[in-house]
Amino acid sequence: MILLSVTGSLYLFKDEINHTVFTFRNVVSDPGTLSLAPSVLAAKATEAVPDSFVTSFVDPATRTSGDSGKRLVYISPYTGAELDTLRTDREPMWILKKIHSLELFGTFAITGIYLWWPRAQSGGVVTLRGSPGRRIWWRDLHAVTVPSLPS
C-alpha cells in the first residue's frame, strides 16, 4: 500500500518533476528564432541513434525504433543539438508508472481488492461518483475499472 501511495503521489507531479529534475532535456530556452522543421528534428534523432527510424514525434522527445530497441531522443528544437538519449523502458516516469500499476510485480491485485472493498457506502463500488478532476472520481475510477487479463 505504501509503494502504491508513494508512486501514485509522485506520478501526480510528473510534469513538475520532469521540469526540475530533467530540465536539461525537457526545457529549452527560446532564443527568439524559429524552431527547426519536424523533418530536420527527425533526421537529427536518427543520426543520434544509427540504424533506427522515427516512430513518433512527441514534444520534447522523438521516439525511434531500430536494432538497438525503442529510444527517446531529446533534440533542441532551435539548434538541433542532441540533449539526451535513453531507452523508453528506462525513462523514470515510465518506470514509476509500471511500478504503480504493479505490472512489474505480477497481476495479483490484493491491494486493489482492499481499496475496492465497500465500507458502508452506496456509490463508488460499480459507479463513478463526482466529476473528473475531483479526488473521489479518481478513487472510484481506480476502484471500478477492471484491467484486461492476459489470455
N, C-alpha and C. Protein backbone atom coordinates (compact mmCIF):
# COMPACT_ATOMS: atom_id res chain seq x y z
N MET A 1 0.82 -1.18 0.00
CA MET A 1 0.00 0.00 0.00
C MET A 1 0.87 1.26 0.00
N ILE A 2 1.96 1.22 0.78
CA ILE A 2 2.85 2.38 0.83
C ILE A 2 3.48 2.62 -0.53
N LEU A 3 3.91 1.53 -1.19
CA LEU A 3 4.51 1.64 -2.51
C LEU A 3 3.54 2.29 -3.50
N LEU A 4 2.28 1.86 -3.49
CA LEU A 4 1.28 2.43 -4.38
C LEU A 4 1.00 3.90 -4.05
N SER A 5 0.99 4.21 -2.77
CA SER A 5 0.75 5.60 -2.36
C SER A 5 1.89 6.51 -2.82
N VAL A 6 3.10 6.07 -2.61
CA VAL A 6 4.26 6.89 -2.98
C VAL A 6 4.36 7.05 -4.49
N THR A 7 4.24 5.93 -5.23
CA THR A 7 4.36 6.02 -6.69
C THR A 7 3.21 6.81 -7.30
N GLY A 8 2.00 6.63 -6.77
CA GLY A 8 0.86 7.40 -7.27
C GLY A 8 1.03 8.89 -7.00
N SER A 9 1.52 9.22 -5.81
CA SER A 9 1.76 10.63 -5.47
C SER A 9 2.83 11.25 -6.35
N LEU A 10 3.91 10.52 -6.57
CA LEU A 10 4.98 11.04 -7.44
C LEU A 10 4.48 11.22 -8.87
N TYR A 11 3.67 10.27 -9.35
CA TYR A 11 3.18 10.37 -10.73
C TYR A 11 2.26 11.57 -10.91
N LEU A 12 1.56 11.96 -9.85
CA LEU A 12 0.71 13.16 -9.93
C LEU A 12 1.53 14.41 -10.23
N PHE A 13 2.79 14.41 -9.81
CA PHE A 13 3.67 15.56 -10.02
C PHE A 13 4.67 15.31 -11.16
N LYS A 14 4.28 14.50 -12.13
CA LYS A 14 5.13 14.13 -13.25
C LYS A 14 5.68 15.35 -13.98
N ASP A 15 4.83 16.31 -14.32
CA ASP A 15 5.28 17.50 -15.05
C ASP A 15 6.26 18.32 -14.23
N GLU A 16 5.97 18.50 -12.96
CA GLU A 16 6.86 19.27 -12.10
C GLU A 16 8.22 18.59 -11.94
N ILE A 17 8.21 17.27 -11.79
CA ILE A 17 9.46 16.52 -11.67
C ILE A 17 10.26 16.62 -12.96
N ASN A 18 9.58 16.41 -14.09
CA ASN A 18 10.28 16.49 -15.38
C ASN A 18 10.87 17.87 -15.64
N HIS A 19 10.20 18.93 -15.18
CA HIS A 19 10.69 20.28 -15.44
C HIS A 19 11.73 20.76 -14.43
N THR A 20 11.96 19.99 -13.36
CA THR A 20 13.01 20.37 -12.42
C THR A 20 14.19 19.40 -12.48
N VAL A 21 13.92 18.12 -12.29
CA VAL A 21 15.00 17.13 -12.28
C VAL A 21 15.58 16.93 -13.68
N PHE A 22 14.73 16.94 -14.69
CA PHE A 22 15.17 16.67 -16.06
C PHE A 22 15.10 17.91 -16.93
N THR A 23 15.33 19.06 -16.33
CA THR A 23 15.27 20.32 -17.06
C THR A 23 16.31 20.39 -18.18
N PHE A 24 17.42 19.69 -18.02
CA PHE A 24 18.47 19.72 -19.04
C PHE A 24 18.00 19.16 -20.38
N ARG A 25 16.97 18.33 -20.37
CA ARG A 25 16.48 17.78 -21.63
C ARG A 25 15.04 18.17 -21.96
N ASN A 26 14.29 18.64 -20.97
CA ASN A 26 12.88 18.96 -21.19
C ASN A 26 12.59 20.44 -21.38
N VAL A 27 13.49 21.30 -20.95
CA VAL A 27 13.24 22.74 -21.02
C VAL A 27 14.36 23.39 -21.82
N VAL A 28 14.00 24.01 -22.93
CA VAL A 28 14.97 24.70 -23.79
C VAL A 28 14.53 26.15 -23.90
N SER A 29 15.43 27.07 -23.60
CA SER A 29 15.12 28.49 -23.69
C SER A 29 14.88 28.89 -25.14
N ASP A 30 13.87 29.70 -25.34
CA ASP A 30 13.54 30.19 -26.68
C ASP A 30 14.49 31.34 -27.02
N PRO A 31 15.37 31.14 -28.02
CA PRO A 31 16.32 32.20 -28.35
C PRO A 31 15.71 33.30 -29.21
N GLY A 32 14.42 33.20 -29.50
CA GLY A 32 13.76 34.21 -30.32
C GLY A 32 13.83 33.91 -31.80
N THR A 33 14.30 32.73 -32.14
CA THR A 33 14.35 32.32 -33.55
C THR A 33 13.29 31.25 -33.78
N LEU A 34 13.01 30.98 -35.03
CA LEU A 34 12.04 29.94 -35.35
C LEU A 34 12.62 28.57 -35.02
N SER A 35 11.76 27.66 -34.63
CA SER A 35 12.24 26.31 -34.36
C SER A 35 12.43 25.57 -35.68
N LEU A 36 13.25 24.53 -35.63
CA LEU A 36 13.54 23.75 -36.82
C LEU A 36 12.31 22.94 -37.24
N ALA A 37 12.26 22.60 -38.50
CA ALA A 37 11.14 21.82 -39.02
C ALA A 37 11.16 20.42 -38.41
N PRO A 38 10.00 19.82 -38.21
CA PRO A 38 9.95 18.46 -37.66
C PRO A 38 10.78 17.46 -38.46
N SER A 39 10.86 17.63 -39.77
CA SER A 39 11.65 16.70 -40.58
C SER A 39 13.14 16.81 -40.24
N VAL A 40 13.61 18.01 -39.93
CA VAL A 40 15.01 18.20 -39.54
C VAL A 40 15.25 17.57 -38.17
N LEU A 41 14.32 17.76 -37.23
CA LEU A 41 14.46 17.17 -35.90
C LEU A 41 14.43 15.65 -35.98
N ALA A 42 13.58 15.10 -36.86
CA ALA A 42 13.53 13.65 -37.04
C ALA A 42 14.85 13.14 -37.60
N ALA A 43 15.42 13.87 -38.55
CA ALA A 43 16.72 13.46 -39.12
C ALA A 43 17.81 13.49 -38.04
N LYS A 44 17.79 14.51 -37.19
CA LYS A 44 18.77 14.60 -36.10
C LYS A 44 18.62 13.42 -35.13
N ALA A 45 17.37 13.02 -34.88
CA ALA A 45 17.12 11.89 -33.98
C ALA A 45 17.66 10.60 -34.55
N THR A 46 17.48 10.39 -35.85
CA THR A 46 18.00 9.16 -36.45
C THR A 46 19.52 9.19 -36.57
N GLU A 47 20.11 10.38 -36.63
CA GLU A 47 21.57 10.48 -36.59
C GLU A 47 22.09 10.08 -35.21
N ALA A 48 21.33 10.45 -34.18
CA ALA A 48 21.74 10.15 -32.80
C ALA A 48 21.66 8.65 -32.50
N VAL A 49 20.73 7.95 -33.15
CA VAL A 49 20.57 6.51 -32.94
C VAL A 49 20.69 5.84 -34.31
N PRO A 50 21.91 5.44 -34.68
CA PRO A 50 22.11 4.83 -36.00
C PRO A 50 21.24 3.58 -36.19
N ASP A 51 20.90 3.30 -37.44
CA ASP A 51 20.07 2.14 -37.81
C ASP A 51 18.72 2.16 -37.12
N SER A 52 18.12 3.35 -37.02
CA SER A 52 16.79 3.46 -36.42
C SER A 52 15.91 4.28 -37.34
N PHE A 53 14.63 4.30 -37.02
CA PHE A 53 13.69 5.14 -37.75
C PHE A 53 12.75 5.78 -36.74
N VAL A 54 12.21 6.92 -37.10
CA VAL A 54 11.33 7.68 -36.20
C VAL A 54 9.96 7.02 -36.19
N THR A 55 9.45 6.78 -34.99
CA THR A 55 8.10 6.22 -34.86
C THR A 55 7.10 7.27 -34.42
N SER A 56 7.54 8.29 -33.69
CA SER A 56 6.64 9.37 -33.30
C SER A 56 7.45 10.58 -32.88
N PHE A 57 6.79 11.71 -32.93
CA PHE A 57 7.41 12.98 -32.57
C PHE A 57 6.55 13.57 -31.47
N VAL A 58 7.05 13.52 -30.23
CA VAL A 58 6.30 13.99 -29.08
C VAL A 58 7.16 15.01 -28.35
N ASP A 59 6.67 16.22 -28.23
CA ASP A 59 7.42 17.27 -27.55
C ASP A 59 7.68 16.86 -26.11
N PRO A 60 8.86 16.84 -25.61
CA PRO A 60 10.10 17.33 -26.19
C PRO A 60 10.96 16.23 -26.79
N ALA A 61 10.44 15.01 -26.95
CA ALA A 61 11.28 13.91 -27.42
C ALA A 61 10.78 13.35 -28.75
N THR A 62 11.69 12.72 -29.45
CA THR A 62 11.36 11.98 -30.66
C THR A 62 11.58 10.51 -30.35
N ARG A 63 10.59 9.70 -30.63
CA ARG A 63 10.70 8.27 -30.38
C ARG A 63 11.24 7.59 -31.62
N THR A 64 12.25 6.74 -31.42
CA THR A 64 12.82 5.99 -32.53
C THR A 64 12.77 4.51 -32.20
N SER A 65 12.88 3.71 -33.23
CA SER A 65 12.93 2.27 -33.05
C SER A 65 13.93 1.72 -34.05
N GLY A 66 14.64 0.69 -33.67
CA GLY A 66 15.63 0.10 -34.55
C GLY A 66 16.31 -1.07 -33.90
N ASP A 67 17.48 -1.41 -34.41
CA ASP A 67 18.23 -2.56 -33.91
C ASP A 67 18.56 -2.43 -32.42
N SER A 68 18.74 -1.22 -31.95
CA SER A 68 19.09 -1.00 -30.54
C SER A 68 17.87 -0.88 -29.65
N GLY A 69 16.67 -1.11 -30.19
CA GLY A 69 15.44 -1.03 -29.40
C GLY A 69 14.77 0.32 -29.53
N LYS A 70 13.74 0.51 -28.72
CA LYS A 70 13.00 1.78 -28.74
C LYS A 70 13.72 2.79 -27.87
N ARG A 71 13.86 4.00 -28.39
CA ARG A 71 14.60 5.05 -27.69
C ARG A 71 13.84 6.36 -27.73
N LEU A 72 14.11 7.19 -26.74
CA LEU A 72 13.65 8.58 -26.72
C LEU A 72 14.86 9.44 -27.00
N VAL A 73 14.75 10.31 -27.98
CA VAL A 73 15.86 11.19 -28.33
C VAL A 73 15.37 12.62 -28.12
N TYR A 74 16.02 13.33 -27.22
CA TYR A 74 15.67 14.71 -26.92
C TYR A 74 16.56 15.62 -27.76
N ILE A 75 15.95 16.43 -28.61
CA ILE A 75 16.66 17.31 -29.54
C ILE A 75 16.21 18.75 -29.28
N SER A 76 17.16 19.68 -29.24
CA SER A 76 16.80 21.09 -29.11
C SER A 76 16.06 21.52 -30.37
N PRO A 77 14.85 22.07 -30.22
CA PRO A 77 14.08 22.46 -31.40
C PRO A 77 14.66 23.67 -32.14
N TYR A 78 15.62 24.36 -31.53
CA TYR A 78 16.18 25.56 -32.15
C TYR A 78 17.54 25.31 -32.80
N THR A 79 18.36 24.47 -32.15
CA THR A 79 19.71 24.24 -32.68
C THR A 79 19.88 22.85 -33.29
N GLY A 80 19.00 21.94 -32.95
CA GLY A 80 19.13 20.57 -33.44
C GLY A 80 20.13 19.76 -32.64
N ALA A 81 20.64 20.32 -31.55
CA ALA A 81 21.62 19.60 -30.72
C ALA A 81 20.93 18.48 -29.94
N GLU A 82 21.63 17.36 -29.80
CA GLU A 82 21.11 16.24 -29.02
C GLU A 82 21.26 16.57 -27.54
N LEU A 83 20.15 16.54 -26.80
CA LEU A 83 20.17 16.85 -25.38
C LEU A 83 20.29 15.60 -24.52
N ASP A 84 19.68 14.51 -24.97
CA ASP A 84 19.73 13.26 -24.22
C ASP A 84 19.14 12.15 -25.08
N THR A 85 19.56 10.93 -24.82
CA THR A 85 19.01 9.74 -25.48
C THR A 85 18.92 8.64 -24.44
N LEU A 86 17.78 7.98 -24.37
CA LEU A 86 17.64 6.87 -23.44
C LEU A 86 16.61 5.88 -23.95
N ARG A 87 16.70 4.65 -23.48
CA ARG A 87 15.72 3.64 -23.84
C ARG A 87 14.38 4.01 -23.24
N THR A 88 13.30 3.73 -23.95
CA THR A 88 11.98 4.10 -23.45
C THR A 88 11.65 3.40 -22.14
N ASP A 89 12.15 2.18 -21.96
CA ASP A 89 11.86 1.48 -20.71
C ASP A 89 12.79 1.89 -19.58
N ARG A 90 13.64 2.88 -19.79
CA ARG A 90 14.50 3.43 -18.74
C ARG A 90 14.10 4.85 -18.37
N GLU A 91 13.06 5.36 -19.00
CA GLU A 91 12.58 6.71 -18.70
C GLU A 91 11.95 6.67 -17.31
N PRO A 92 12.38 7.53 -16.39
CA PRO A 92 11.94 7.44 -15.00
C PRO A 92 10.42 7.42 -14.78
N MET A 93 9.68 8.24 -15.49
CA MET A 93 8.23 8.25 -15.28
C MET A 93 7.56 6.99 -15.82
N TRP A 94 8.14 6.38 -16.86
CA TRP A 94 7.63 5.12 -17.37
C TRP A 94 7.80 4.04 -16.30
N ILE A 95 8.99 4.02 -15.69
CA ILE A 95 9.27 3.04 -14.64
C ILE A 95 8.33 3.24 -13.46
N LEU A 96 8.14 4.49 -13.06
CA LEU A 96 7.26 4.82 -11.94
C LEU A 96 5.83 4.35 -12.23
N LYS A 97 5.37 4.58 -13.43
CA LYS A 97 4.01 4.16 -13.82
C LYS A 97 3.88 2.64 -13.78
N LYS A 98 4.91 1.93 -14.24
CA LYS A 98 4.88 0.47 -14.23
C LYS A 98 4.90 -0.07 -12.80
N ILE A 99 5.65 0.56 -11.92
CA ILE A 99 5.66 0.13 -10.52
C ILE A 99 4.29 0.37 -9.91
N HIS A 100 3.70 1.54 -10.18
CA HIS A 100 2.39 1.87 -9.61
C HIS A 100 1.31 0.91 -10.11
N SER A 101 1.39 0.50 -11.35
CA SER A 101 0.38 -0.39 -11.90
C SER A 101 0.60 -1.84 -11.48
N LEU A 102 1.68 -2.10 -10.76
CA LEU A 102 2.07 -3.43 -10.31
C LEU A 102 2.40 -4.36 -11.48
N GLU A 103 2.55 -3.81 -12.68
CA GLU A 103 2.89 -4.61 -13.85
C GLU A 103 4.24 -5.28 -13.69
N LEU A 104 5.15 -4.63 -13.01
CA LEU A 104 6.48 -5.21 -12.81
C LEU A 104 6.48 -6.32 -11.76
N PHE A 105 5.38 -6.42 -11.00
CA PHE A 105 5.32 -7.39 -9.91
C PHE A 105 4.30 -8.50 -10.12
N GLY A 106 3.60 -8.50 -11.24
CA GLY A 106 2.60 -9.53 -11.49
C GLY A 106 1.19 -8.97 -11.47
N THR A 107 0.21 -9.85 -11.69
CA THR A 107 -1.17 -9.39 -11.81
C THR A 107 -2.00 -9.64 -10.57
N PHE A 108 -1.44 -10.18 -9.53
CA PHE A 108 -2.19 -10.42 -8.31
C PHE A 108 -2.50 -9.08 -7.65
N ALA A 109 -3.77 -8.79 -7.44
CA ALA A 109 -4.18 -7.44 -7.05
C ALA A 109 -4.87 -7.37 -5.70
N ILE A 110 -4.26 -7.88 -4.68
CA ILE A 110 -4.85 -7.80 -3.34
C ILE A 110 -5.07 -6.36 -2.93
N THR A 111 -4.10 -5.49 -3.23
CA THR A 111 -4.25 -4.10 -2.83
C THR A 111 -5.44 -3.46 -3.51
N GLY A 112 -5.70 -3.80 -4.78
CA GLY A 112 -6.87 -3.27 -5.48
C GLY A 112 -8.16 -3.75 -4.85
N ILE A 113 -8.19 -5.00 -4.45
CA ILE A 113 -9.38 -5.53 -3.78
C ILE A 113 -9.59 -4.82 -2.45
N TYR A 114 -8.50 -4.58 -1.73
CA TYR A 114 -8.60 -3.86 -0.46
C TYR A 114 -9.16 -2.46 -0.65
N LEU A 115 -8.66 -1.75 -1.67
CA LEU A 115 -9.17 -0.40 -1.94
C LEU A 115 -10.61 -0.42 -2.40
N TRP A 116 -11.00 -1.46 -3.15
CA TRP A 116 -12.34 -1.53 -3.71
C TRP A 116 -13.39 -1.96 -2.70
N TRP A 117 -12.99 -2.80 -1.72
CA TRP A 117 -13.96 -3.41 -0.82
C TRP A 117 -14.88 -2.36 -0.21
N PRO A 118 -16.19 -2.49 -0.42
CA PRO A 118 -17.14 -1.48 0.07
C PRO A 118 -17.17 -1.42 1.60
N ARG A 119 -17.18 -0.21 2.11
CA ARG A 119 -17.24 0.01 3.56
C ARG A 119 -18.42 0.92 3.86
N ALA A 120 -19.61 0.33 3.96
CA ALA A 120 -20.84 1.07 4.28
C ALA A 120 -21.04 2.27 3.36
N GLN A 121 -20.92 2.03 2.07
CA GLN A 121 -21.13 3.11 1.11
C GLN A 121 -22.01 2.59 -0.02
N SER A 122 -22.74 3.50 -0.65
CA SER A 122 -23.62 3.08 -1.73
C SER A 122 -23.01 3.33 -3.10
N GLY A 123 -22.22 4.39 -3.25
CA GLY A 123 -21.60 4.69 -4.54
C GLY A 123 -20.15 4.31 -4.54
N GLY A 124 -19.55 4.27 -5.73
CA GLY A 124 -18.13 4.01 -5.84
C GLY A 124 -17.76 2.55 -5.88
N VAL A 125 -18.77 1.66 -5.83
CA VAL A 125 -18.49 0.23 -5.90
C VAL A 125 -18.51 -0.21 -7.36
N VAL A 126 -19.54 0.18 -8.08
CA VAL A 126 -19.63 -0.14 -9.50
C VAL A 126 -19.91 1.11 -10.34
N THR A 127 -20.04 2.27 -9.73
CA THR A 127 -20.29 3.52 -10.45
C THR A 127 -19.29 4.58 -10.01
N LEU A 128 -19.09 5.59 -10.86
CA LEU A 128 -18.19 6.69 -10.53
C LEU A 128 -18.98 7.81 -9.88
N ARG A 129 -18.46 8.34 -8.80
CA ARG A 129 -19.07 9.49 -8.14
C ARG A 129 -18.26 10.73 -8.46
N GLY A 130 -18.86 11.89 -8.32
CA GLY A 130 -18.14 13.15 -8.54
C GLY A 130 -17.94 13.44 -10.01
N SER A 131 -17.04 14.38 -10.29
CA SER A 131 -16.74 14.77 -11.67
C SER A 131 -15.24 14.64 -11.90
N PRO A 132 -14.84 14.49 -13.20
CA PRO A 132 -13.40 14.36 -13.48
C PRO A 132 -12.61 15.50 -12.85
N GLY A 133 -11.49 15.16 -12.28
CA GLY A 133 -10.65 16.16 -11.64
C GLY A 133 -10.80 16.18 -10.13
N ARG A 134 -11.88 15.58 -9.63
CA ARG A 134 -12.08 15.53 -8.18
C ARG A 134 -11.50 14.22 -7.65
N ARG A 135 -11.02 14.26 -6.42
CA ARG A 135 -10.35 13.11 -5.83
C ARG A 135 -11.25 11.88 -5.77
N ILE A 136 -12.52 12.05 -5.41
CA ILE A 136 -13.44 10.92 -5.28
C ILE A 136 -13.65 10.24 -6.63
N TRP A 137 -13.65 11.03 -7.71
CA TRP A 137 -13.80 10.46 -9.06
C TRP A 137 -12.60 9.57 -9.39
N TRP A 138 -11.39 10.05 -9.09
CA TRP A 138 -10.18 9.25 -9.36
C TRP A 138 -10.15 7.99 -8.50
N ARG A 139 -10.57 8.10 -7.25
CA ARG A 139 -10.62 6.93 -6.38
C ARG A 139 -11.58 5.89 -6.97
N ASP A 140 -12.76 6.33 -7.37
CA ASP A 140 -13.75 5.42 -7.93
C ASP A 140 -13.27 4.85 -9.27
N LEU A 141 -12.58 5.65 -10.05
CA LEU A 141 -12.05 5.16 -11.33
C LEU A 141 -11.09 4.00 -11.09
N HIS A 142 -10.22 4.14 -10.08
CA HIS A 142 -9.31 3.06 -9.73
C HIS A 142 -10.08 1.84 -9.19
N ALA A 143 -11.19 2.10 -8.52
CA ALA A 143 -11.92 1.03 -7.86
C ALA A 143 -12.82 0.23 -8.80
N VAL A 144 -13.47 0.86 -9.75
CA VAL A 144 -14.47 0.15 -10.55
C VAL A 144 -13.96 -0.34 -11.89
N THR A 145 -12.82 0.12 -12.35
CA THR A 145 -12.31 -0.39 -13.63
C THR A 145 -11.65 -1.74 -13.42
N VAL A 146 -11.83 -2.62 -14.36
CA VAL A 146 -11.26 -3.95 -14.29
C VAL A 146 -10.23 -4.07 -15.41
N PRO A 147 -8.97 -4.34 -15.06
CA PRO A 147 -7.95 -4.49 -16.10
C PRO A 147 -8.21 -5.74 -16.92
N SER A 148 -7.84 -5.70 -18.19
CA SER A 148 -7.99 -6.89 -19.03
C SER A 148 -6.89 -7.88 -18.66
N LEU A 149 -7.27 -9.09 -18.45
CA LEU A 149 -6.31 -10.12 -18.08
C LEU A 149 -5.74 -10.75 -19.34
N PRO A 150 -4.46 -11.14 -19.30
CA PRO A 150 -3.86 -11.76 -20.49
C PRO A 150 -4.57 -13.07 -20.81
N SER A 151 -4.71 -13.35 -22.10
CA SER A 151 -5.40 -14.59 -22.49
C SER A 151 -4.44 -15.73 -22.66
